[in-house]
Amino acid sequence: MSRPTPLPSDLEIASSAILRPIADVADDLGIAAEHVEPYGRDVAKIDLAAAEGQPRGTYVVVSAITPTPLGEGKTTTVVGLTQALRRLGSNAVATLRQPSMGPTFGIKGGAAGGGYSQVVPMERLNLHLTGDFHAITAAHNLLAAAVDNHLHFGNELGLDLRNITWRRVMDVNDRSLRNIVVGMGTRADGLVRETGFDITAASEVMVLMTLATSYQDLRSRLGRIVVGYTGEGKPVSAEDLGVAGAMAVILRDALKPNLLQTLEGGPALVHCGPFGNIATGTSSVVADQVALSHADVVVTEAGFGADMGAERFFNVKCRVGGLEPDAAVVVATVRALKVHSGNYDIRAGRPLPERLLAENPDEVRAGLENLRAHVEIIRSFGVSPVVAINAFPQDHESEHDVIRGLAAELGVRCAVTRHVAEGGAGAEDLAREVLAAAEEPTHFTPTYALEDPLAEKIEAVATRVYGADGVDYSPAATTALQTYEDAGFGGLPIVIAKTHLSISSDPTLMGAPRGWRLPVREVRASVGAGYVYAIAGDMRTMPGLSRHPNAERIELAPDGTITGLS
């Protein structure tokens, strides 16, 4: 098999782009000049007043099948689809999560898209952008400092040292900080206790920012953050510690969405970036509200597969924002479906097996149950799905035909998209199918009612979305659920923290596993963010660096240009 000519690197493509003035990009979207706050030549903050118009745009969410550790191209598909919609005459805008610098300097790389479907300036997007992540880090750590300061000055609120849940955060991968001891030194250096660090994307403040709908809502959510409990089990909040107002001040500008552009000059709003396996995994409500007030079509992304990001998008984000989706895209790749055949083990940082690249429609067929399951997950919410076959140069037409065949069997729309290599032109077929799907009747139906007990909500997601036979709760989880019901948290939506590498809670189970039960070992309340989350599996909230992380390849040239960023 002859190898296709490789594309230039993402950074090379992005660096060669001629960017439009950001004021012109905002003007195309119809955002008034007084609501645009430039951050240099190529980025702007958008004032929240721009979200006050009546929503009028078609709302499309991009999800995926269960991904490999390499990802299957949701971000590139959002960008490519948006570019294609604009080529077809729609005033379309993409809304995306901001990349964390942890993966950027780690092994996965950045999240600006890829090839000729990227958001630019790519290097600013993948690094500090407008400093939102740093503001979230500062606000989070101010609260952590307030906790230790309160302990130092006598612990008037009676915080139980063994039940303080608020840790510190930073936006880099550093496994050595997962568990630490603070307060070492003299008496003036604070109280000695165990704590640790999470990555900023795992902060409750990050999720809270994603779901806040106004400054007032932001301030209220910050005040409700629970940092720990007294010996009698009473929650202690940021409001109790008196720093919620200062946190809100730090986050004032960070609540405003960031406006950038695609490689083809169309608008892209990039805002917030919570973890997709332990949190909502979506961009912000306010970014979508701004977009829906101005665009014909808004294309947004939900993290990982439909069992993860799309479920939380529908059950949590849409509820908070009062939004109803019109269509959903399920991104599938030949590569991932072959992995779901059970014949391959892909690891980030390692070359793909040669056998994986060989033409083999039977292996694609063997992995189709995963795609079927994700299509049915989307349908369970009353939304029309569209299968997007994200084509790689090594794919074969016979393999695409297998995927088309399942889509035809299921009665859903399907299109091959080549936006990475061809930009918007390569996604026009997908854009037509999405526009047609958005015209179909939508009967948006969340998985559960908010008034249902917390345990019933968890079981509804486990059985109706994941396909589990039921849920097994540890004694600690059962006690926590009752505590949260008694505390008045029972009306909150739920999030289940689990692996993204399987629809089940076991990352080794491929396809669409059956005959398993969801083990919930712990339940926690993110009261400020506004949900209760069940932990099913070993979730790392502070990643570590690989032996040879991307940071070793990133360099600053003498002329100030950046190299090695991916």
Protein backbone atom coordinates (compact mmCIF):
# COMPACT_ATOMS: atom_id res chain seq x y z
CA MET A 1 0.00 0.00 0.00
CA SER A 2 1.45 3.35 -1.01
CA ARG A 3 1.57 5.84 1.82
CA PRO A 4 -0.27 9.15 1.33
CA THR A 5 1.74 12.34 1.30
CA PRO A 6 1.67 13.69 4.86
CA LEU A 7 0.11 17.07 5.58
CA PRO A 8 2.26 19.85 7.00
CA SER A 9 2.15 19.93 10.79
CA ASP A 10 -0.80 21.65 12.47
CA LEU A 11 1.51 24.42 13.66
CA GLU A 12 2.96 24.92 10.15
CA ILE A 13 -0.55 25.18 8.68
CA ALA A 14 -1.72 27.54 11.41
CA SER A 15 1.39 29.71 11.20
CA SER A 16 0.92 30.23 7.46
CA ALA A 17 -2.66 31.45 7.85
CA ILE A 18 -3.51 35.08 7.15
CA LEU A 19 -5.87 36.07 9.94
CA ARG A 20 -8.72 38.51 9.57
CA PRO A 21 -9.01 41.43 12.02
CA ILE A 22 -10.94 40.10 14.98
CA ALA A 23 -13.33 43.08 14.82
CA ASP A 24 -14.38 41.93 11.33
CA VAL A 25 -15.00 38.40 12.60
CA ALA A 26 -17.23 39.78 15.36
CA ASP A 27 -19.02 41.99 12.85
CA ASP A 28 -19.77 38.97 10.65
CA LEU A 29 -21.46 37.37 13.62
CA GLY A 30 -23.45 40.54 14.25
CA ILE A 31 -21.90 41.36 17.61
CA ALA A 32 -21.98 45.08 18.30
CA ALA A 33 -18.59 46.80 18.54
CA GLU A 34 -19.25 47.95 22.12
CA HIS A 35 -19.44 44.29 23.19
CA VAL A 36 -16.05 43.38 21.70
CA GLU A 37 -12.97 43.75 23.92
CA PRO A 38 -9.79 43.10 21.88
CA TYR A 39 -6.98 41.05 23.45
CA GLY A 40 -4.27 41.86 20.93
CA ARG A 41 -4.88 41.67 17.18
CA ASP A 42 -6.33 38.18 16.91
CA VAL A 43 -8.45 37.48 20.03
CA ALA A 44 -11.28 39.30 21.76
CA LYS A 45 -13.42 38.96 24.85
CA ILE A 46 -17.19 39.24 24.29
CA ASP A 47 -19.20 41.14 26.88
CA LEU A 48 -22.03 39.18 28.47
CA ALA A 49 -24.50 41.78 27.22
CA ALA A 50 -24.09 40.20 23.78
CA ALA A 51 -26.01 37.16 25.08
CA GLU A 52 -29.16 39.13 25.86
CA GLY A 53 -30.82 38.63 22.48
CA GLN A 54 -33.45 35.96 21.89
CA PRO A 55 -31.86 32.63 20.84
CA ARG A 56 -32.53 32.02 17.16
CA GLY A 57 -29.81 29.66 15.95
CA THR A 58 -29.98 25.95 15.18
CA TYR A 59 -28.13 24.09 17.93
CA VAL A 60 -25.90 21.15 16.96
CA VAL A 61 -23.75 19.10 19.33
CA VAL A 62 -20.82 16.98 18.13
CA SER A 63 -20.13 13.79 20.05
CA ALA A 64 -18.43 10.52 19.11
CA ILE A 65 -18.16 6.80 19.55
CA THR A 66 -15.99 5.53 22.41
CA PRO A 67 -12.59 6.95 21.46
CA THR A 68 -9.14 5.45 21.43
CA PRO A 69 -6.55 7.23 23.62
CA LEU A 70 -5.65 9.26 20.50
CA GLY A 71 -9.11 10.81 20.12
CA GLU A 72 -11.28 10.51 17.01
CA GLY A 73 -11.48 14.13 15.88
CA LYS A 74 -14.49 15.80 17.51
CA THR A 75 -12.80 19.20 17.68
CA THR A 76 -11.64 19.04 14.06
CA THR A 77 -15.14 17.95 13.06
CA VAL A 78 -16.72 20.91 14.88
CA VAL A 79 -14.36 23.28 13.06
CA GLY A 80 -14.65 21.55 9.68
CA LEU A 81 -18.45 21.36 9.91
CA THR A 82 -18.65 25.05 10.86
CA GLN A 83 -16.41 25.98 7.94
CA ALA A 84 -18.56 23.88 5.60
CA LEU A 85 -21.81 25.42 6.85
CA ARG A 86 -20.43 28.87 6.16
CA ARG A 87 -19.42 27.78 2.65
CA LEU A 88 -23.04 26.71 2.13
CA GLY A 89 -24.32 30.14 3.17
CA SER A 90 -25.11 29.71 6.86
CA ASN A 91 -23.85 32.22 9.40
CA ALA A 92 -22.36 29.44 11.53
CA VAL A 93 -20.17 29.63 14.62
CA ALA A 94 -18.23 27.00 16.56
CA THR A 95 -18.21 26.93 20.36
CA LEU A 96 -15.35 24.93 21.86
CA ARG A 97 -13.62 24.14 25.13
CA GLN A 98 -10.30 25.82 25.79
CA PRO A 99 -7.35 23.40 25.88
CA SER A 100 -5.57 22.72 29.15
CA MET A 101 -1.81 23.16 29.11
CA GLY A 102 -1.52 19.81 30.88
CA PRO A 103 -2.23 17.77 27.72
CA THR A 104 -0.53 20.41 25.54
CA PHE A 105 2.78 19.80 27.29
CA GLY A 106 1.95 16.18 28.09
CA ILE A 107 1.29 13.48 25.51
CA LYS A 108 -2.08 14.25 23.88
CA GLY A 109 -1.16 17.70 22.58
CA GLY A 110 -3.38 20.74 22.15
CA ALA A 111 -7.02 21.00 21.14
CA ALA A 112 -7.27 23.62 18.41
CA GLY A 113 -8.42 21.14 15.78
CA GLY A 114 -6.14 19.74 13.13
CA GLY A 115 -4.93 20.08 9.57
CA TYR A 116 -7.02 22.59 7.63
CA SER A 117 -9.81 22.62 10.24
CA GLN A 118 -8.27 24.53 13.11
CA VAL A 119 -9.03 27.51 15.32
CA VAL A 120 -6.33 30.17 15.14
CA PRO A 121 -4.08 31.62 16.41
CA MET A 122 -3.26 28.04 17.35
CA GLU A 123 -0.35 28.79 19.66
CA ARG A 124 -2.32 31.33 21.72
CA LEU A 125 -5.30 29.00 21.98
CA ASN A 126 -3.17 26.10 23.23
CA LEU A 127 -1.22 28.20 25.71
CA HIS A 128 -2.44 31.09 27.89
CA LEU A 129 -5.07 32.61 25.55
CA THR A 130 -6.66 35.40 27.64
CA GLY A 131 -5.60 33.99 31.00
CA ASP A 132 -8.95 32.42 31.94
CA PHE A 133 -7.34 29.22 33.23
CA HIS A 134 -4.95 31.25 35.36
CA ALA A 135 -7.85 33.24 36.81
CA ILE A 136 -9.69 30.01 37.64
CA THR A 137 -6.50 28.65 39.22
CA ALA A 138 -6.09 31.81 41.31
CA ALA A 139 -9.71 31.87 42.46
CA HIS A 140 -9.60 28.19 43.38
CA ASN A 141 -6.34 28.55 45.30
CA LEU A 142 -7.56 31.68 47.10
CA LEU A 143 -10.27 29.50 48.60
CA ALA A 144 -7.70 26.83 49.49
CA ALA A 145 -5.59 29.49 51.22
CA ALA A 146 -8.67 30.70 53.09
CA VAL A 147 -9.29 27.17 54.37
CA ASP A 148 -5.78 26.86 55.79
CA ASN A 149 -5.88 30.39 57.12
CA HIS A 150 -9.12 29.61 58.94
CA LEU A 151 -7.52 26.52 60.49
CA HIS A 152 -4.45 28.53 61.51
CA PHE A 153 -6.56 31.09 63.37
CA GLY A 154 -8.48 28.59 65.48
CA ASN A 155 -10.97 26.82 63.17
CA GLU A 156 -14.03 28.64 64.47
CA LEU A 157 -16.28 26.80 62.02
CA GLY A 158 -15.13 23.43 63.35
CA LEU A 159 -13.83 21.94 60.09
CA ASP A 160 -12.95 18.27 60.50
CA LEU A 161 -9.31 17.95 59.37
CA ARG A 162 -10.09 14.47 58.06
CA ASN A 163 -12.99 15.71 55.95
CA ILE A 164 -11.65 18.74 54.07
CA THR A 165 -12.41 18.17 50.39
CA TRP A 166 -10.97 21.34 48.81
CA ARG A 167 -7.52 20.80 47.30
CA ARG A 168 -5.29 23.10 45.26
CA VAL A 169 -4.96 23.19 41.45
CA MET A 170 -2.48 24.09 38.72
CA ASP A 171 -2.62 23.81 34.94
CA VAL A 172 0.26 21.39 34.33
CA ASN A 173 0.65 17.63 34.74
CA ASP A 174 2.62 16.83 37.90
CA ARG A 175 2.02 13.46 39.57
CA SER A 176 4.29 14.32 42.52
CA LEU A 177 1.71 16.86 43.73
CA ARG A 178 -1.23 14.45 43.86
CA ASN A 179 -0.75 13.93 47.59
CA ILE A 180 1.19 16.41 49.71
CA VAL A 181 1.54 17.72 53.26
CA VAL A 182 1.12 21.44 53.91
CA GLY A 183 1.93 23.51 56.99
CA MET A 184 5.41 22.08 57.54
CA GLY A 185 7.84 24.34 59.35
CA THR A 186 7.19 26.58 62.32
CA ARG A 187 3.86 27.27 64.04
CA ALA A 188 3.53 30.43 61.95
CA ASP A 189 3.56 28.34 58.76
CA GLY A 190 0.11 26.90 59.33
CA LEU A 191 -1.46 23.66 60.48
CA VAL A 192 0.13 20.43 59.28
CA ARG A 193 -2.30 18.34 57.26
CA GLU A 194 -2.52 16.14 54.18
CA THR A 195 -3.98 17.54 50.98
CA GLY A 196 -3.01 17.59 47.30
CA PHE A 197 -3.26 19.16 43.86
CA ASP A 198 -5.60 18.54 40.93
CA ILE A 199 -5.20 19.93 37.43
CA THR A 200 -7.14 23.16 36.83
CA ALA A 201 -9.47 21.47 34.32
CA ALA A 202 -10.67 19.26 37.22
CA SER A 203 -11.51 22.23 39.46
CA GLU A 204 -15.10 22.73 40.56
CA VAL A 205 -14.54 26.41 39.75
CA MET A 206 -13.91 25.42 36.13
CA VAL A 207 -17.21 23.54 35.91
CA LEU A 208 -19.00 26.30 37.80
CA MET A 209 -17.74 28.84 35.23
CA THR A 210 -18.97 26.57 32.44
CA LEU A 211 -22.50 26.50 33.84
CA ALA A 212 -22.83 30.07 35.19
CA THR A 213 -25.31 32.17 33.21
CA SER A 214 -24.55 35.65 34.62
CA TYR A 215 -22.35 37.49 37.10
CA GLN A 216 -25.04 37.06 39.73
CA ASP A 217 -25.27 33.34 39.05
CA LEU A 218 -21.46 33.06 39.17
CA ARG A 219 -21.35 34.78 42.55
CA SER A 220 -24.10 32.56 43.96
CA ARG A 221 -22.45 29.37 42.73
CA LEU A 222 -19.09 30.36 44.20
CA GLY A 223 -20.71 30.96 47.58
CA ARG A 224 -22.25 27.46 47.53
CA ILE A 225 -18.93 25.63 47.05
CA VAL A 226 -18.47 23.13 49.88
CA VAL A 227 -14.85 22.92 51.10
CA GLY A 228 -15.38 20.32 53.81
CA TYR A 229 -17.52 19.25 56.73
CA THR A 230 -17.60 19.70 60.48
CA GLY A 231 -17.32 16.81 62.89
CA GLU A 232 -21.13 16.72 62.96
CA GLY A 233 -21.30 16.46 59.15
CA LYS A 234 -22.40 20.04 58.50
CA PRO A 235 -21.06 21.42 55.18
CA VAL A 236 -18.75 24.45 55.28
CA SER A 237 -18.94 26.72 52.23
CA ALA A 238 -16.90 29.41 50.55
CA GLU A 239 -19.58 31.82 51.75
CA ASP A 240 -18.90 30.73 55.33
CA LEU A 241 -15.20 31.53 54.81
CA GLY A 242 -16.02 34.98 53.43
CA VAL A 243 -14.02 34.82 50.18
CA ALA A 244 -16.68 34.05 47.54
CA GLY A 245 -16.93 37.73 46.60
CA ALA A 246 -13.18 38.02 46.07
CA MET A 247 -13.24 34.87 43.95
CA ALA A 248 -15.97 36.38 41.78
CA VAL A 249 -13.89 39.53 41.28
CA ILE A 250 -10.92 37.44 40.10
CA LEU A 251 -13.24 35.68 37.62
CA ARG A 252 -15.08 38.75 36.31
CA ASP A 253 -13.27 38.98 32.98
CA ALA A 254 -12.81 35.22 32.71
CA LEU A 255 -16.60 34.75 32.50
CA LYS A 256 -16.61 36.56 29.15
CA PRO A 257 -16.24 34.13 26.20
CA ASN A 258 -13.20 34.39 23.92
CA LEU A 259 -13.65 35.05 20.20
CA LEU A 260 -11.15 33.58 17.74
CA GLN A 261 -11.49 32.41 14.14
CA THR A 262 -11.20 29.28 12.04
CA LEU A 263 -8.57 28.90 9.34
CA GLU A 264 -11.23 30.03 6.87
CA GLY A 265 -12.00 33.20 8.83
CA GLY A 266 -15.26 32.20 10.47
CA PRO A 267 -16.03 32.89 14.15
CA ALA A 268 -15.21 30.48 16.96
CA LEU A 269 -16.06 31.09 20.62
CA VAL A 270 -13.68 29.29 22.96
CA HIS A 271 -14.49 29.23 26.66
CA CYS A 272 -13.78 27.04 29.70
CA GLY A 273 -12.51 23.47 29.64
CA PRO A 274 -13.68 21.05 32.33
CA PHE A 275 -12.60 17.40 32.38
CA GLY A 276 -14.91 15.18 30.35
CA ASN A 277 -14.64 12.05 32.48
CA ILE A 278 -15.26 13.62 35.90
CA ALA A 279 -17.21 16.76 34.93
CA THR A 280 -19.37 18.12 32.11
CA GLY A 281 -16.70 18.20 29.38
CA THR A 282 -18.37 21.03 27.46
CA SER A 283 -17.77 24.68 26.63
CA SER A 284 -19.69 27.33 28.54
CA VAL A 285 -23.37 28.11 28.64
CA VAL A 286 -22.70 31.84 28.13
CA ALA A 287 -20.64 31.19 24.98
CA ASP A 288 -23.50 29.17 23.52
CA GLN A 289 -26.01 31.84 24.53
CA VAL A 290 -23.95 34.52 22.78
CA ALA A 291 -23.65 32.31 19.71
CA LEU A 292 -27.33 31.36 19.60
CA SER A 293 -28.33 35.03 19.83
CA HIS A 294 -26.41 35.88 16.67
CA ALA A 295 -25.77 32.85 14.43
CA ASP A 296 -27.91 30.74 12.12
CA VAL A 297 -26.19 27.55 13.29
CA VAL A 298 -24.17 26.90 16.45
CA VAL A 299 -21.91 23.84 16.44
CA THR A 300 -20.61 22.82 19.84
CA GLU A 301 -18.64 19.88 21.23
CA ALA A 302 -19.22 17.47 24.10
CA GLY A 303 -16.23 15.58 25.48
CA PHE A 304 -15.41 11.93 24.68
CA GLY A 305 -18.23 9.59 23.54
CA ALA A 306 -21.99 10.10 23.64
CA ASP A 307 -22.11 8.14 26.92
CA MET A 308 -19.95 10.84 28.53
CA GLY A 309 -20.05 14.34 27.06
CA ALA A 310 -23.35 14.13 25.20
CA GLU A 311 -25.16 12.65 28.21
CA ARG A 312 -23.96 15.53 30.40
CA PHE A 313 -24.60 18.05 27.63
CA PHE A 314 -28.24 16.93 27.45
CA ASN A 315 -28.91 16.20 31.12
CA VAL A 316 -26.91 19.03 32.72
CA LYS A 317 -25.84 21.82 30.36
CA CYS A 318 -29.03 22.06 28.32
CA ARG A 319 -31.10 22.15 31.49
CA VAL A 320 -28.99 24.89 33.07
CA GLY A 321 -29.02 27.01 29.94
CA GLY A 322 -32.64 26.36 29.03
CA LEU A 323 -31.45 25.14 25.63
CA GLU A 324 -32.76 22.42 23.31
CA PRO A 325 -30.53 20.79 20.67
CA ASP A 326 -31.73 20.34 17.09
CA ALA A 327 -29.30 17.64 15.93
CA ALA A 328 -26.28 15.66 17.07
CA VAL A 329 -23.23 14.40 15.20
CA VAL A 330 -21.60 11.10 16.17
CA VAL A 331 -17.99 11.04 14.95
CA ALA A 332 -16.71 7.59 14.01
CA THR A 333 -13.37 6.48 12.62
CA VAL A 334 -12.30 3.26 10.96
CA ARG A 335 -9.40 3.16 13.40
CA ALA A 336 -11.57 3.24 16.51
CA LEU A 337 -14.07 0.69 15.18
CA LYS A 338 -11.23 -1.72 14.44
CA VAL A 339 -10.06 -1.26 18.04
CA HIS A 340 -13.60 -2.11 19.19
CA SER A 341 -13.24 -5.42 17.38
CA GLY A 342 -11.04 -6.34 20.34
CA ASN A 343 -8.01 -7.09 18.16
CA TYR A 344 -5.87 -4.04 18.95
CA ASP A 345 -4.46 -2.12 21.88
CA ILE A 346 -3.59 1.46 20.95
CA ARG A 347 -1.41 3.50 23.28
CA ALA A 348 -0.75 7.23 23.04
CA GLY A 349 2.83 7.94 22.00
CA ARG A 350 3.27 4.61 20.21
CA PRO A 351 3.05 4.00 16.44
CA LEU A 352 -0.15 2.43 15.15
CA PRO A 353 0.15 -1.30 14.38
CA GLU A 354 0.77 -1.89 10.67
CA ARG A 355 -2.02 -4.47 10.62
CA LEU A 356 -4.50 -1.83 11.79
CA LEU A 357 -3.84 0.19 8.63
CA ALA A 358 -4.47 -2.72 6.26
CA GLU A 359 -7.81 -2.98 4.45
CA ASN A 360 -10.11 -5.11 6.60
CA PRO A 361 -13.84 -4.33 6.48
CA ASP A 362 -14.58 -7.38 8.66
CA GLU A 363 -12.71 -5.81 11.58
CA VAL A 364 -14.71 -2.60 11.14
CA ARG A 365 -17.88 -4.69 11.09
CA ALA A 366 -16.82 -6.40 14.32
CA GLY A 367 -16.64 -3.03 16.07
CA LEU A 368 -19.97 -1.65 14.84
CA GLU A 369 -21.87 -2.40 18.04
CA ASN A 370 -20.10 0.54 19.66
CA LEU A 371 -21.35 2.91 16.96
CA ARG A 372 -24.83 1.41 17.20
CA ALA A 373 -24.86 2.02 20.95
CA HIS A 374 -23.84 5.66 20.63
CA VAL A 375 -26.44 6.35 17.94
CA GLU A 376 -29.09 4.86 20.23
CA ILE A 377 -27.83 6.99 23.14
CA ILE A 378 -28.42 10.13 21.07
CA ARG A 379 -31.83 8.88 19.98
CA SER A 380 -32.80 8.21 23.61
CA PHE A 381 -32.78 11.98 24.13
CA GLY A 382 -35.19 12.56 21.22
CA VAL A 383 -32.53 14.16 19.01
CA SER A 384 -31.70 13.20 15.42
CA PRO A 385 -28.17 11.76 15.06
CA VAL A 386 -25.88 12.08 12.04
CA VAL A 387 -22.92 9.72 11.67
CA ALA A 388 -19.76 11.54 10.56
CA ILE A 389 -17.07 9.23 9.22
CA ASN A 390 -13.89 11.16 9.97
CA ALA A 391 -11.73 9.88 7.12
CA PHE A 392 -8.03 9.20 7.55
CA PRO A 393 -5.68 8.92 4.56
CA GLN A 394 -5.07 5.23 5.34
CA ASP A 395 -8.80 4.34 5.23
CA HIS A 396 -10.32 2.22 2.48
CA GLU A 397 -13.64 2.78 0.74
CA SER A 398 -14.79 -0.73 1.62
CA GLU A 399 -14.36 0.14 5.30
CA HIS A 400 -16.41 3.31 4.93
CA ASP A 401 -19.09 1.25 3.20
CA VAL A 402 -19.45 -0.92 6.29
CA ILE A 403 -20.19 2.16 8.40
CA ARG A 404 -22.61 3.51 5.80
CA GLY A 405 -24.38 0.17 5.86
CA LEU A 406 -25.03 0.34 9.61
CA ALA A 407 -26.27 3.93 9.29
CA ALA A 408 -28.71 2.82 6.59
CA GLU A 409 -29.86 -0.09 8.77
CA LEU A 410 -30.47 2.30 11.67
CA GLY A 411 -32.18 4.86 9.44
CA VAL A 412 -29.81 7.70 10.29
CA ARG A 413 -27.98 10.14 8.07
CA CYS A 414 -24.30 9.55 7.35
CA ALA A 415 -21.48 11.32 5.53
CA VAL A 416 -17.75 10.88 5.01
CA THR A 417 -15.89 14.04 6.00
CA ARG A 418 -12.35 14.97 4.94
CA HIS A 419 -12.07 18.34 6.63
CA VAL A 420 -8.60 17.73 8.10
CA ALA A 421 -7.08 17.47 4.62
CA GLU A 422 -9.50 19.70 2.71
CA GLY A 423 -10.93 22.19 5.20
CA GLY A 424 -14.57 23.21 4.92
CA ALA A 425 -14.84 21.88 1.38
CA GLY A 426 -14.22 18.37 2.70
CA ALA A 427 -17.16 18.59 5.13
CA GLU A 428 -19.87 19.96 2.85
CA ASP A 429 -21.64 16.59 2.56
CA LEU A 430 -21.72 16.37 6.35
CA ALA A 431 -23.04 19.93 6.59
CA ARG A 432 -25.94 19.13 4.23
CA GLU A 433 -26.88 16.06 6.27
CA VAL A 434 -26.74 18.04 9.53
CA LEU A 435 -28.97 20.80 8.16
CA ALA A 436 -31.46 18.18 6.99
CA ALA A 437 -31.40 16.40 10.36
CA ALA A 438 -31.98 19.70 12.16
CA GLU A 439 -35.23 20.11 10.20
CA GLU A 440 -36.57 16.83 11.57
CA PRO A 441 -38.88 16.95 14.61
CA THR A 442 -37.05 16.97 17.95
CA HIS A 443 -38.61 15.58 21.11
CA PHE A 444 -35.89 16.47 23.58
CA THR A 445 -36.22 14.24 26.63
CA PRO A 446 -33.64 14.10 29.45
CA THR A 447 -32.86 10.71 30.99
CA TYR A 448 -34.41 11.53 34.36
CA ALA A 449 -36.52 14.10 36.15
CA LEU A 450 -34.71 16.43 38.54
CA GLU A 451 -37.15 15.54 41.31
CA ASP A 452 -36.15 11.86 41.14
CA PRO A 453 -34.00 10.64 44.07
CA LEU A 454 -30.25 10.78 43.43
CA ALA A 455 -29.89 6.99 43.42
CA GLU A 456 -32.63 6.67 40.81
CA LYS A 457 -30.92 9.25 38.61
CA ILE A 458 -27.62 7.34 38.77
CA GLU A 459 -29.40 4.08 37.95
CA ALA A 460 -31.26 5.70 35.04
CA VAL A 461 -28.01 6.82 33.40
CA ALA A 462 -26.29 3.51 34.13
CA THR A 463 -29.06 1.36 32.65
CA ARG A 464 -30.58 3.57 29.92
CA VAL A 465 -27.38 5.23 28.66
CA TYR A 466 -24.55 2.80 29.49
CA GLY A 467 -26.52 -0.43 29.16
CA ALA A 468 -25.62 -1.69 32.64
CA ASP A 469 -27.80 -4.24 34.40
CA GLY A 470 -27.84 -2.10 37.53
CA VAL A 471 -25.74 -0.25 40.11
CA ASP A 472 -23.82 -1.56 43.11
CA TYR A 473 -23.18 1.06 45.81
CA SER A 474 -20.47 0.85 48.42
CA PRO A 475 -21.62 1.49 52.01
CA ALA A 476 -19.87 4.88 51.90
CA ALA A 477 -21.69 5.82 48.68
CA THR A 478 -25.05 4.81 50.16
CA THR A 479 -24.40 6.92 53.25
CA ALA A 480 -23.31 9.92 51.14
CA LEU A 481 -26.43 9.73 48.98
CA GLN A 482 -28.65 9.85 52.05
CA THR A 483 -26.58 12.71 53.52
CA TYR A 484 -26.99 14.76 50.32
CA GLU A 485 -30.71 14.05 50.14
CA ASP A 486 -31.07 15.19 53.76
CA ALA A 487 -28.98 18.32 53.05
CA GLY A 488 -31.35 19.36 50.25
CA PHE A 489 -29.11 18.42 47.32
CA GLY A 490 -31.48 15.74 45.99
CA GLY A 491 -32.88 17.99 43.26
CA LEU A 492 -29.50 18.40 41.55
CA PRO A 493 -28.60 16.58 38.32
CA ILE A 494 -25.94 13.87 38.50
CA VAL A 495 -22.65 13.17 36.77
CA ILE A 496 -20.95 9.77 36.77
CA ALA A 497 -17.16 9.87 36.81
CA LYS A 498 -15.94 6.86 34.87
CA THR A 499 -13.52 5.83 32.16
CA HIS A 500 -13.97 7.34 28.70
CA LEU A 501 -12.38 4.30 27.01
CA SER A 502 -15.48 2.12 27.34
CA ILE A 503 -19.22 2.63 27.57
CA SER A 504 -18.91 0.56 30.74
CA SER A 505 -16.90 1.44 33.83
CA ASP A 506 -14.15 -1.03 32.79
CA PRO A 507 -11.71 0.48 30.26
CA THR A 508 -10.83 -2.98 28.91
CA LEU A 509 -14.39 -3.75 27.74
CA MET A 510 -14.75 -2.82 24.07
CA GLY A 511 -17.80 -2.53 21.84
CA ALA A 512 -21.13 -2.32 23.67
CA PRO A 513 -20.67 -4.39 26.83
CA ARG A 514 -23.63 -6.26 28.31
CA GLY A 515 -24.11 -8.21 31.53
CA TRP A 516 -22.24 -5.83 33.83
CA ARG A 517 -23.14 -3.63 36.79
CA LEU A 518 -21.88 -0.13 37.57
CA PRO A 519 -19.81 -0.09 40.80
CA VAL A 520 -20.19 3.25 42.62
CA ARG A 521 -17.52 3.46 45.29
CA GLU A 522 -17.98 7.09 46.28
CA VAL A 523 -20.42 9.97 45.82
CA ARG A 524 -19.48 13.64 46.15
CA ALA A 525 -21.40 16.90 45.89
CA SER A 526 -20.23 19.77 43.68
CA VAL A 527 -22.79 22.13 45.13
CA GLY A 528 -21.33 25.24 43.56
CA ALA A 529 -21.23 23.67 40.12
CA GLY A 530 -24.72 22.37 40.78
CA TYR A 531 -24.56 18.59 40.57
CA VAL A 532 -23.78 15.44 42.55
CA TYR A 533 -21.24 13.06 41.08
CA ALA A 534 -20.78 9.35 41.53
CA ILE A 535 -17.31 7.88 41.15
CA ALA A 536 -17.12 4.57 39.31
CA GLY A 537 -13.49 3.72 38.79
CA ASP A 538 -10.08 5.18 39.52
CA MET A 539 -10.19 8.73 38.15
CA ARG A 540 -6.92 10.66 38.09
CA THR A 541 -7.58 14.36 38.67
CA MET A 542 -3.86 15.21 38.35
CA PRO A 543 -2.25 13.53 35.33
CA GLY A 544 1.45 12.71 35.17
CA LEU A 545 3.92 13.38 32.38
CA SER A 546 5.06 10.56 30.09
CA ARG A 547 8.71 9.55 29.79
CA HIS A 548 9.08 11.87 26.78
CA PRO A 549 6.28 14.47 26.94
CA ASN A 550 5.48 17.02 24.25
CA ALA A 551 7.23 19.64 26.38
CA GLU A 552 10.58 18.18 25.26
CA ARG A 553 9.77 19.04 21.63
CA ILE A 554 8.43 22.57 22.12
CA GLU A 555 10.92 25.40 21.61
CA LEU A 556 11.15 29.15 21.19
CA ALA A 557 13.24 30.24 18.19
CA PRO A 558 15.54 33.30 18.29
CA ASP A 559 13.00 35.30 16.26
CA GLY A 560 10.27 34.55 18.80
CA THR A 561 8.40 31.92 16.81
CA ILE A 562 7.21 28.73 18.50
CA THR A 563 8.12 25.29 17.18
CA GLY A 564 7.05 21.78 18.17
CA LEU A 565 3.53 22.65 19.34
CA SER A 566 0.91 20.13 18.24
